[in-house]
Amino acid sequence: MHNFDLIWHKQVPLKVSIFAWRLLRDHLPTKSNLRAWGVIGTEACQCVSGCGEMEDARHLFLLCSCFGSLLPLVRSWIGFDGVDHDDISAHFIQFANSTSGLKSRRSFLQLIWLLTVWVLWNERNARLFQRKECSLVQLLDKVKYHSL
C-alpha cells in the first residue's frame, strides 16, 4: 500500500488528510519552504520551538528536540515499539504497516499518526502566530482526546 493511500481515513477529517497529503509531498508552508518560495529570508527560518535549527518538515515532525519528542510519547502510550525513520514518508509507512496485516490495528495506527502530526502542526502554528505554548503532555492529551 502506498503512503498516499494511507492518509485517507474515514475517522479523520478531510482537512487532516489534505494536510497529511501536503506533508508527505513536502508542500507545507514550513519556514524552509517559505524561504525556497521567496516569501521569507534565511534569518527567519529557525524552528519556532527555540531549538535553533532550521524548520523544515523533517526537522519539525521527526528530529526537533521539542516537537519530535511527541511521536515517541505517543508510541509509548499505545505500547508500540518501532524503529524511527528520519524520512517522513518512510516513518508513516513503518508506523501504519507495523501490524502484520491486522486491518483494524493498521487503521488505528494510521489514525494515531495522522492525529499526531496534525496536533504538532497546530502547536507550531499556535506558537508562531498566537504566542501560545502547550507542553508535550498537553499535546499527548490532545492526541488521546481526538483519537476517541
C-alpha atoms as a PDB file:
ATOM      1  CA  MET A   1       0.000   0.000   0.000  1.00  0.00           C
ATOM      2  CA  HIS A   2       1.370   3.387  -0.992  1.00  0.00           C
ATOM      3  CA  ASN A   3       1.713   6.045   1.680  1.00  0.00           C
ATOM      4  CA  PHE A   4      -0.774   8.347  -0.067  1.00  0.00           C
ATOM      5  CA  ASP A   5      -3.438   5.634   0.177  1.00  0.00           C
ATOM      6  CA  LEU A   6      -2.963   5.554   3.955  1.00  0.00           C
ATOM      7  CA  ILE A   7      -3.802   9.219   4.561  1.00  0.00           C
ATOM      8  CA  TRP A   8      -7.463   8.868   3.610  1.00  0.00           C
ATOM      9  CA  HIS A   9      -9.091   7.535   6.761  1.00  0.00           C
ATOM     10  CA  LYS A  10     -12.827   7.509   7.484  1.00  0.00           C
ATOM     11  CA  GLN A  11     -12.358   8.776  11.074  1.00  0.00           C
ATOM     12  CA  VAL A  12     -10.050  11.627  10.073  1.00  0.00           C
ATOM     13  CA  PRO A  13     -11.484  14.947   8.898  1.00  0.00           C
ATOM     14  CA  LEU A  14     -10.779  15.740   5.257  1.00  0.00           C
ATOM     15  CA  LYS A  15      -8.681  18.784   6.224  1.00  0.00           C
ATOM     16  CA  VAL A  16      -6.337  16.500   8.206  1.00  0.00           C
ATOM     17  CA  SER A  17      -5.939  14.114   5.270  1.00  0.00           C
ATOM     18  CA  ILE A  18      -5.246  17.029   2.923  1.00  0.00           C
ATOM     19  CA  PHE A  19      -2.715  18.354   5.435  1.00  0.00           C
ATOM     20  CA  ALA A  20      -1.032  14.894   5.521  1.00  0.00           C
ATOM     21  CA  TRP A  21      -1.000  14.774   1.724  1.00  0.00           C
ATOM     22  CA  ARG A  22       0.787  18.131   1.682  1.00  0.00           C
ATOM     23  CA  LEU A  23       3.166  16.989   4.439  1.00  0.00           C
ATOM     24  CA  LEU A  24       4.157  13.816   2.585  1.00  0.00           C
ATOM     25  CA  ARG A  25       4.756  15.837  -0.607  1.00  0.00           C
ATOM     26  CA  ASP A  26       6.749  18.491   1.336  1.00  0.00           C
ATOM     27  CA  HIS A  27       4.273  21.215   0.367  1.00  0.00           C
ATOM     28  CA  LEU A  28       3.527  22.642   3.805  1.00  0.00           C
ATOM     29  CA  PRO A  29       4.383  26.288   4.437  1.00  0.00           C
ATOM     30  CA  THR A  30       7.307  25.429   6.708  1.00  0.00           C
ATOM     31  CA  LYS A  31       9.882  28.143   7.119  1.00  0.00           C
ATOM     32  CA  SER A  32      12.361  26.368   4.812  1.00  0.00           C
ATOM     33  CA  ASN A  33       9.698  26.087   2.104  1.00  0.00           C
ATOM     34  CA  LEU A  34       8.688  29.723   2.590  1.00  0.00           C
ATOM     35  CA  ARG A  35      12.352  30.655   2.129  1.00  0.00           C
ATOM     36  CA  ALA A  36      12.616  28.493  -1.005  1.00  0.00           C
ATOM     37  CA  TRP A  37       9.453  30.120  -2.368  1.00  0.00           C
ATOM     38  CA  GLY A  38      10.962  33.583  -1.752  1.00  0.00           C
ATOM     39  CA  VAL A  39       8.467  34.567   0.966  1.00  0.00           C
ATOM     40  CA  ILE A  40      10.912  34.944   3.886  1.00  0.00           C
ATOM     41  CA  GLY A  41      14.647  35.350   4.263  1.00  0.00           C
ATOM     42  CA  THR A  42      17.135  32.902   5.719  1.00  0.00           C
ATOM     43  CA  GLU A  43      17.243  34.819   9.007  1.00  0.00           C
ATOM     44  CA  ALA A  44      13.577  33.932   9.680  1.00  0.00           C
ATOM     45  CA  CYS A  45      13.946  30.154   9.196  1.00  0.00           C
ATOM     46  CA  GLN A  46      14.643  28.953  12.716  1.00  0.00           C
ATOM     47  CA  CYS A  47      12.281  26.449  14.310  1.00  0.00           C
ATOM     48  CA  VAL A  48       9.563  28.027  16.433  1.00  0.00           C
ATOM     49  CA  SER A  49      10.430  25.653  19.307  1.00  0.00           C
ATOM     50  CA  GLY A  50      13.586  27.646  20.006  1.00  0.00           C
ATOM     51  CA  CYS A  51      15.894  24.690  19.368  1.00  0.00           C
ATOM     52  CA  GLY A  52      17.999  26.789  16.981  1.00  0.00           C
ATOM     53  CA  GLU A  53      17.631  24.516  13.940  1.00  0.00           C
ATOM     54  CA  MET A  54      16.128  25.370  10.563  1.00  0.00           C
ATOM     55  CA  GLU A  55      12.443  24.492  10.357  1.00  0.00           C
ATOM     56  CA  ASP A  56      11.662  22.037   7.609  1.00  0.00           C
ATOM     57  CA  ALA A  57       9.081  19.251   7.778  1.00  0.00           C
ATOM     58  CA  ARG A  58      11.609  16.533   8.563  1.00  0.00           C
ATOM     59  CA  HIS A  59      13.047  18.559  11.424  1.00  0.00           C
ATOM     60  CA  LEU A  60       9.692  19.698  12.793  1.00  0.00           C
ATOM     61  CA  PHE A  61       7.940  16.325  12.904  1.00  0.00           C
ATOM     62  CA  LEU A  62      10.809  13.895  13.477  1.00  0.00           C
ATOM     63  CA  LEU A  63      14.082  15.457  14.586  1.00  0.00           C
ATOM     64  CA  CYS A  64      13.269  18.546  16.672  1.00  0.00           C
ATOM     65  CA  SER A  65      14.262  18.144  20.308  1.00  0.00           C
ATOM     66  CA  CYS A  66      10.864  19.610  21.249  1.00  0.00           C
ATOM     67  CA  PHE A  67       8.288  18.667  18.611  1.00  0.00           C
ATOM     68  CA  GLY A  68       9.989  15.429  17.559  1.00  0.00           C
ATOM     69  CA  SER A  69       9.545  14.112  21.098  1.00  0.00           C
ATOM     70  CA  LEU A  70       5.782  13.719  20.708  1.00  0.00           C
ATOM     71  CA  LEU A  71       5.821  10.662  18.431  1.00  0.00           C
ATOM     72  CA  PRO A  72       7.907   8.608  20.913  1.00  0.00           C
ATOM     73  CA  LEU A  73       5.464   9.637  23.677  1.00  0.00           C
ATOM     74  CA  VAL A  74       2.545   8.535  21.530  1.00  0.00           C
ATOM     75  CA  ARG A  75       4.260   5.235  20.772  1.00  0.00           C
ATOM     76  CA  SER A  76       4.807   4.656  24.470  1.00  0.00           C
ATOM     77  CA  TRP A  77       1.140   5.432  25.195  1.00  0.00           C
ATOM     78  CA  ILE A  78      -0.132   2.880  22.666  1.00  0.00           C
ATOM     79  CA  GLY A  79       2.546   0.300  23.501  1.00  0.00           C
ATOM     80  CA  PHE A  80       4.143   0.379  20.073  1.00  0.00           C
ATOM     81  CA  ASP A  81       7.827  -0.310  19.541  1.00  0.00           C
ATOM     82  CA  GLY A  82       9.476   0.518  16.274  1.00  0.00           C
ATOM     83  CA  VAL A  83      12.494   1.913  14.574  1.00  0.00           C
ATOM     84  CA  ASP A  84      12.091   5.556  13.699  1.00  0.00           C
ATOM     85  CA  HIS A  85      12.949   6.641  10.207  1.00  0.00           C
ATOM     86  CA  ASP A  86      14.216  10.145   9.622  1.00  0.00           C
ATOM     87  CA  ASP A  87      12.193  10.321   6.397  1.00  0.00           C
ATOM     88  CA  ILE A  88       8.555  11.350   6.916  1.00  0.00           C
ATOM     89  CA  SER A  89       7.026   9.064   4.282  1.00  0.00           C
ATOM     90  CA  ALA A  90       9.045   6.054   5.466  1.00  0.00           C
ATOM     91  CA  HIS A  91       8.136   6.866   9.063  1.00  0.00           C
ATOM     92  CA  PHE A  92       4.425   6.967   8.230  1.00  0.00           C
ATOM     93  CA  ILE A  93       4.527   3.695   6.273  1.00  0.00           C
ATOM     94  CA  GLN A  94       6.530   1.950   9.012  1.00  0.00           C
ATOM     95  CA  PHE A  95       4.166   3.266  11.694  1.00  0.00           C
ATOM     96  CA  ALA A  96       0.952   2.333   9.895  1.00  0.00           C
ATOM     97  CA  ASN A  97       2.080  -1.023   8.470  1.00  0.00           C
ATOM     98  CA  SER A  98       3.723  -2.490  11.539  1.00  0.00           C
ATOM     99  CA  THR A  99       0.777  -4.734  12.380  1.00  0.00           C
ATOM    100  CA  SER A 100       1.428  -7.816  10.239  1.00  0.00           C
ATOM    101  CA  GLY A 101      -1.743  -7.259   8.234  1.00  0.00           C
ATOM    102  CA  LEU A 102      -4.284  -6.724  11.011  1.00  0.00           C
ATOM    103  CA  LYS A 103      -6.630  -4.259   9.311  1.00  0.00           C
ATOM    104  CA  SER A 104      -8.202  -2.822  12.472  1.00  0.00           C
ATOM    105  CA  ARG A 105      -4.801  -2.256  14.124  1.00  0.00           C
ATOM    106  CA  ARG A 106      -3.397  -0.663  10.945  1.00  0.00           C
ATOM    107  CA  SER A 107      -6.439   1.627  10.804  1.00  0.00           C
ATOM    108  CA  PHE A 108      -5.854   2.640  14.433  1.00  0.00           C
ATOM    109  CA  LEU A 109      -2.155   3.345  13.813  1.00  0.00           C
ATOM    110  CA  GLN A 110      -2.977   5.400  10.713  1.00  0.00           C
ATOM    111  CA  LEU A 111      -5.420   7.423  12.768  1.00  0.00           C
ATOM    112  CA  ILE A 112      -2.908   7.981  15.573  1.00  0.00           C
ATOM    113  CA  TRP A 113      -0.097   9.061  13.241  1.00  0.00           C
ATOM    114  CA  LEU A 114      -2.354  11.460  11.334  1.00  0.00           C
ATOM    115  CA  LEU A 115      -3.698  12.973  14.560  1.00  0.00           C
ATOM    116  CA  THR A 116      -0.207  13.329  15.995  1.00  0.00           C
ATOM    117  CA  VAL A 117       1.208  15.264  13.034  1.00  0.00           C
ATOM    118  CA  TRP A 118      -1.970  17.393  12.948  1.00  0.00           C
ATOM    119  CA  VAL A 119      -1.607  18.242  16.654  1.00  0.00           C
ATOM    120  CA  LEU A 120       2.076  19.106  16.099  1.00  0.00           C
ATOM    121  CA  TRP A 121       1.295  21.379  13.154  1.00  0.00           C
ATOM    122  CA  ASN A 122      -1.398  23.185  15.133  1.00  0.00           C
ATOM    123  CA  GLU A 123       1.012  23.608  18.048  1.00  0.00           C
ATOM    124  CA  ARG A 124       3.650  25.001  15.698  1.00  0.00           C
ATOM    125  CA  ASN A 125       1.119  27.499  14.347  1.00  0.00           C
ATOM    126  CA  ALA A 126      -0.131  28.468  17.825  1.00  0.00           C
ATOM    127  CA  ARG A 127       3.441  29.210  18.895  1.00  0.00           C
ATOM    128  CA  LEU A 128       4.204  31.129  15.733  1.00  0.00           C
ATOM    129  CA  PHE A 129       1.038  33.188  15.351  1.00  0.00           C
ATOM    130  CA  GLN A 130      -0.596  33.333  18.798  1.00  0.00           C
ATOM    131  CA  ARG A 131       2.447  33.044  21.086  1.00  0.00           C
ATOM    132  CA  LYS A 132       0.698  30.169  22.918  1.00  0.00           C
ATOM    133  CA  GLU A 133       2.581  27.099  24.026  1.00  0.00           C
ATOM    134  CA  CYS A 134       1.461  23.644  25.214  1.00  0.00           C
ATOM    135  CA  SER A 135       3.649  21.112  26.982  1.00  0.00           C
ATOM    136  CA  LEU A 136       4.357  17.706  25.456  1.00  0.00           C
ATOM    137  CA  VAL A 137       1.987  16.134  27.981  1.00  0.00           C
ATOM    138  CA  GLN A 138      -0.767  18.514  26.872  1.00  0.00           C
ATOM    139  CA  LEU A 139      -0.058  17.648  23.233  1.00  0.00           C
ATOM    140  CA  LEU A 140      -0.252  13.936  24.034  1.00  0.00           C
ATOM    141  CA  ASP A 141      -3.576  14.580  25.773  1.00  0.00           C
ATOM    142  CA  LYS A 142      -4.845  16.249  22.580  1.00  0.00           C
ATOM    143  CA  VAL A 143      -3.877  13.187  20.531  1.00  0.00           C
ATOM    144  CA  LYS A 144      -5.640  10.941  23.044  1.00  0.00           C
ATOM    145  CA  TYR A 145      -8.748  13.124  23.080  1.00  0.00           C
ATOM    146  CA  HIS A 146      -9.066  13.254  19.278  1.00  0.00           C
ATOM    147  CA  SER A 147      -8.480   9.505  18.938  1.00  0.00           C
ATOM    148  CA  LEU A 148     -11.650   8.650  20.889  1.00  0.00           C
END
